[in-house]
C-alpha cells in the first residue's frame, strides 16, 4: 500500500438533544460552535471537527471490553500533570461528571468524564511526541 491514512478528520458523537448538547460542549469544554440544526451540530474541539448527531437516547460511544468493563472511545491529551489537575478541578466546578485522577501503570495520569448523554471520554496528561513536534510545544 503506497498511501496511508493521514489523520482523523471528524468524530461523530450521538446525542439525544442537539441544542442542549451543543451548549454543554461549548460551555463546559470550550468547543466552538460552527453550525447547528435540529439533526446535528458541528464543533471545533481539541483541534478536531466534532459532529453531534441526534440519535436515540440509548446510543453512546461507549462499549464493553471482554471483561464487561465500560470503555471510552476517545482520549483527549493535555500538556502535563498541572494541566490535567487544572482541567479536572475546572470540570468539577462546572459540574461535569468526572472520575478521579488515576494511575493506570503507564506514563502520566488520566481521568474520565461524561457528557449529558453518558458518552464517556478520557483525558491523559501526556501530549503525543508528534503533536508536540508539529506545534513546537
C-alpha atoms as a PDB file:
ATOM      1  CA  UNK A   1       0.000   0.000   0.000  1.00  0.00           C
ATOM      2  CA  UNK A   2       1.655   3.223  -1.177  1.00  0.00           C
ATOM      3  CA  UNK A   3      -0.615   5.626   0.685  1.00  0.00           C
ATOM      4  CA  UNK A   4      -1.511   5.737   4.374  1.00  0.00           C
ATOM      5  CA  UNK A   5      -4.179   7.373   6.463  1.00  0.00           C
ATOM      6  CA  UNK A   6      -3.007  10.839   7.499  1.00  0.00           C
ATOM      7  CA  UNK A   7      -5.345  11.977  10.265  1.00  0.00           C
ATOM      8  CA  UNK A   8      -8.804  11.629  11.750  1.00  0.00           C
ATOM      9  CA  UNK A   9     -10.934  14.316  10.107  1.00  0.00           C
ATOM     10  CA  UNK A  10     -14.198  14.162  12.034  1.00  0.00           C
ATOM     11  CA  UNK A  11     -15.569  12.449  15.115  1.00  0.00           C
ATOM     12  CA  UNK A  12     -19.315  11.758  15.330  1.00  0.00           C
ATOM     13  CA  UNK A  13     -20.918  11.691  18.774  1.00  0.00           C
ATOM     14  CA  UNK A  14     -24.517  10.526  19.325  1.00  0.00           C
ATOM     15  CA  UNK A  15     -26.651  12.904  21.399  1.00  0.00           C
ATOM     16  CA  UNK A  16     -30.360  12.965  22.224  1.00  0.00           C
ATOM     17  CA  UNK A  17     -30.767  16.769  22.070  1.00  0.00           C
ATOM     18  CA  UNK A  18     -28.509  18.658  19.642  1.00  0.00           C
ATOM     19  CA  UNK A  19     -29.305  22.108  21.076  1.00  0.00           C
ATOM     20  CA  UNK A  20     -28.758  21.178  24.706  1.00  0.00           C
ATOM     21  CA  UNK A  21     -25.663  19.105  23.949  1.00  0.00           C
ATOM     22  CA  UNK A  22     -24.040  21.745  21.750  1.00  0.00           C
ATOM     23  CA  UNK A  23     -24.494  24.315  24.551  1.00  0.00           C
ATOM     24  CA  UNK A  24     -22.954  21.834  27.011  1.00  0.00           C
ATOM     25  CA  UNK A  25     -19.899  21.209  24.809  1.00  0.00           C
ATOM     26  CA  UNK A  26     -19.405  24.951  24.268  1.00  0.00           C
ATOM     27  CA  UNK A  27     -19.920  25.965  27.926  1.00  0.00           C
ATOM     28  CA  UNK A  28     -18.263  23.025  29.682  1.00  0.00           C
ATOM     29  CA  UNK A  29     -15.483  22.007  27.260  1.00  0.00           C
ATOM     30  CA  UNK A  30     -14.798  25.252  25.400  1.00  0.00           C
ATOM     31  CA  UNK A  31     -15.823  23.935  21.980  1.00  0.00           C
ATOM     32  CA  UNK A  32     -16.520  26.391  19.177  1.00  0.00           C
ATOM     33  CA  UNK A  33     -19.919  26.030  17.509  1.00  0.00           C
ATOM     34  CA  UNK A  34     -19.679  26.320  13.703  1.00  0.00           C
ATOM     35  CA  UNK A  35     -23.128  25.095  12.662  1.00  0.00           C
ATOM     36  CA  UNK A  36     -26.309  23.761  14.239  1.00  0.00           C
ATOM     37  CA  UNK A  37     -29.684  22.494  13.045  1.00  0.00           C
ATOM     38  CA  UNK A  38     -32.159  20.005  14.548  1.00  0.00           C
ATOM     39  CA  UNK A  39     -30.178  16.970  13.374  1.00  0.00           C
ATOM     40  CA  UNK A  40     -26.557  17.935  14.030  1.00  0.00           C
ATOM     41  CA  UNK A  41     -24.111  20.460  15.405  1.00  0.00           C
ATOM     42  CA  UNK A  42     -20.591  20.950  14.045  1.00  0.00           C
ATOM     43  CA  UNK A  43     -17.972  21.910  16.623  1.00  0.00           C
ATOM     44  CA  UNK A  44     -14.257  22.611  16.766  1.00  0.00           C
ATOM     45  CA  UNK A  45     -12.897  20.828  19.833  1.00  0.00           C
ATOM     46  CA  UNK A  46      -9.291  19.942  20.652  1.00  0.00           C
ATOM     47  CA  UNK A  47      -8.018  20.550  17.112  1.00  0.00           C
ATOM     48  CA  UNK A  48     -10.745  18.268  15.777  1.00  0.00           C
ATOM     49  CA  UNK A  49     -14.018  18.574  13.921  1.00  0.00           C
ATOM     50  CA  UNK A  50     -16.770  17.050  16.050  1.00  0.00           C
ATOM     51  CA  UNK A  51     -20.314  16.392  14.854  1.00  0.00           C
ATOM     52  CA  UNK A  52     -23.013  15.976  17.492  1.00  0.00           C
ATOM     53  CA  UNK A  53     -25.629  13.843  15.758  1.00  0.00           C
ATOM     54  CA  UNK A  54     -29.192  13.477  17.009  1.00  0.00           C
ATOM     55  CA  UNK A  55     -29.689   9.829  17.954  1.00  0.00           C
ATOM     56  CA  UNK A  56     -31.971   7.759  20.118  1.00  0.00           C
ATOM     57  CA  UNK A  57     -31.489   8.181  23.872  1.00  0.00           C
ATOM     58  CA  UNK A  58     -29.876   4.740  24.290  1.00  0.00           C
ATOM     59  CA  UNK A  59     -26.986   5.372  21.858  1.00  0.00           C
ATOM     60  CA  UNK A  60     -23.457   6.214  23.027  1.00  0.00           C
ATOM     61  CA  UNK A  61     -19.808   5.918  22.047  1.00  0.00           C
ATOM     62  CA  UNK A  62     -19.194   3.607  24.997  1.00  0.00           C
ATOM     63  CA  UNK A  63     -18.505  -0.106  24.669  1.00  0.00           C
ATOM     64  CA  UNK A  64     -17.742  -3.012  26.990  1.00  0.00           C
ATOM     65  CA  UNK A  65     -14.442  -4.869  26.877  1.00  0.00           C
ATOM     66  CA  UNK A  66     -14.089  -8.653  27.167  1.00  0.00           C
ATOM     67  CA  UNK A  67     -14.246  -8.357  30.983  1.00  0.00           C
ATOM     68  CA  UNK A  68     -17.504  -6.394  30.937  1.00  0.00           C
ATOM     69  CA  UNK A  69     -15.905  -3.045  31.813  1.00  0.00           C
ATOM     70  CA  UNK A  70     -17.395   0.046  30.185  1.00  0.00           C
ATOM     71  CA  UNK A  71     -14.765   1.706  27.996  1.00  0.00           C
ATOM     72  CA  UNK A  72     -14.386   5.064  26.265  1.00  0.00           C
ATOM     73  CA  UNK A  73     -13.680   5.569  22.574  1.00  0.00           C
ATOM     74  CA  UNK A  74     -11.737   8.828  22.805  1.00  0.00           C
ATOM     75  CA  UNK A  75      -8.823  10.100  24.865  1.00  0.00           C
ATOM     76  CA  UNK A  76      -8.033  13.807  24.904  1.00  0.00           C
ATOM     77  CA  UNK A  77      -4.470  14.898  25.705  1.00  0.00           C
ATOM     78  CA  UNK A  78      -3.259  17.821  27.806  1.00  0.00           C
ATOM     79  CA  UNK A  79       0.257  19.108  28.389  1.00  0.00           C
ATOM     80  CA  UNK A  80       1.330  17.714  31.766  1.00  0.00           C
ATOM     81  CA  UNK A  81       0.032  16.988  35.242  1.00  0.00           C
ATOM     82  CA  UNK A  82      -0.620  20.618  36.118  1.00  0.00           C
ATOM     83  CA  UNK A  83      -2.906  20.949  33.074  1.00  0.00           C
ATOM     84  CA  UNK A  84      -4.657  17.668  33.934  1.00  0.00           C
ATOM     85  CA  UNK A  85      -5.254  18.716  37.551  1.00  0.00           C
ATOM     86  CA  UNK A  86      -6.449  22.176  36.488  1.00  0.00           C
ATOM     87  CA  UNK A  87      -8.933  20.804  33.952  1.00  0.00           C
ATOM     88  CA  UNK A  88     -10.144  18.204  36.452  1.00  0.00           C
ATOM     89  CA  UNK A  89     -10.811  20.948  39.024  1.00  0.00           C
ATOM     90  CA  UNK A  90     -12.487  23.205  36.414  1.00  0.00           C
ATOM     91  CA  UNK A  91     -14.737  20.355  35.246  1.00  0.00           C
ATOM     92  CA  UNK A  92     -15.815  19.732  38.837  1.00  0.00           C
ATOM     93  CA  UNK A  93     -16.567  23.463  39.259  1.00  0.00           C
ATOM     94  CA  UNK A  94     -18.630  23.361  36.032  1.00  0.00           C
ATOM     95  CA  UNK A  95     -20.493  20.305  37.378  1.00  0.00           C
ATOM     96  CA  UNK A  96     -19.199  17.937  34.716  1.00  0.00           C
ATOM     97  CA  UNK A  97     -19.492  14.291  35.805  1.00  0.00           C
ATOM     98  CA  UNK A  98     -15.815  13.278  36.276  1.00  0.00           C
ATOM     99  CA  UNK A  99     -13.906  10.352  37.726  1.00  0.00           C
ATOM    100  CA  UNK A 100     -10.861  10.530  39.982  1.00  0.00           C
ATOM    101  CA  UNK A 101      -7.379  11.129  38.586  1.00  0.00           C
ATOM    102  CA  UNK A 102      -5.896   7.660  38.088  1.00  0.00           C
ATOM    103  CA  UNK A 103      -2.504   5.998  37.790  1.00  0.00           C
ATOM    104  CA  UNK A 104      -3.019   3.283  35.155  1.00  0.00           C
ATOM    105  CA  UNK A 105       0.544   1.992  35.265  1.00  0.00           C
ATOM    106  CA  UNK A 106       1.891   3.926  32.268  1.00  0.00           C
ATOM    107  CA  UNK A 107       3.375   7.393  31.776  1.00  0.00           C
ATOM    108  CA  UNK A 108       1.195  10.213  33.032  1.00  0.00           C
ATOM    109  CA  UNK A 109      -2.221  10.167  34.681  1.00  0.00           C
ATOM    110  CA  UNK A 110      -5.797  10.064  33.409  1.00  0.00           C
ATOM    111  CA  UNK A 111      -9.366  10.757  34.374  1.00  0.00           C
ATOM    112  CA  UNK A 112     -12.680  10.094  32.683  1.00  0.00           C
ATOM    113  CA  UNK A 113     -15.644  12.393  32.197  1.00  0.00           C
ATOM    114  CA  UNK A 114     -19.135  12.071  30.742  1.00  0.00           C
ATOM    115  CA  UNK A 115     -21.316  14.315  28.592  1.00  0.00           C
ATOM    116  CA  UNK A 116     -25.071  14.795  29.067  1.00  0.00           C
ATOM    117  CA  UNK A 117     -25.873  11.553  27.201  1.00  0.00           C
ATOM    118  CA  UNK A 118     -23.394   9.451  29.167  1.00  0.00           C
ATOM    119  CA  UNK A 119     -20.743   9.366  26.432  1.00  0.00           C
ATOM    120  CA  UNK A 120     -17.562   8.523  28.314  1.00  0.00           C
ATOM    121  CA  UNK A 121     -14.288  10.284  27.467  1.00  0.00           C
ATOM    122  CA  UNK A 122     -10.752  10.066  28.818  1.00  0.00           C
ATOM    123  CA  UNK A 123      -8.142  12.757  29.427  1.00  0.00           C
ATOM    124  CA  UNK A 124      -4.421  11.899  29.575  1.00  0.00           C
ATOM    125  CA  UNK A 125      -1.696  14.162  30.957  1.00  0.00           C
ATOM    126  CA  UNK A 126       0.726  13.430  28.103  1.00  0.00           C
ATOM    127  CA  UNK A 127       0.803  15.079  24.681  1.00  0.00           C
ATOM    128  CA  UNK A 128       1.963  12.804  21.875  1.00  0.00           C
ATOM    129  CA  UNK A 129       5.543  13.496  20.715  1.00  0.00           C
ATOM    130  CA  UNK A 130       4.371  14.022  17.112  1.00  0.00           C
ATOM    131  CA  UNK A 131       1.859  16.679  18.215  1.00  0.00           C
ATOM    132  CA  UNK A 132       4.490  18.429  20.359  1.00  0.00           C
ATOM    133  CA  UNK A 133       6.961  18.472  17.480  1.00  0.00           C
ATOM    134  CA  UNK A 134       4.440  19.630  14.883  1.00  0.00           C
ATOM    135  CA  UNK A 135       3.189  22.508  17.029  1.00  0.00           C
ATOM    136  CA  UNK A 136       6.548  23.261  18.675  1.00  0.00           C
ATOM    137  CA  UNK A 137       5.303  22.649  22.226  1.00  0.00           C
END
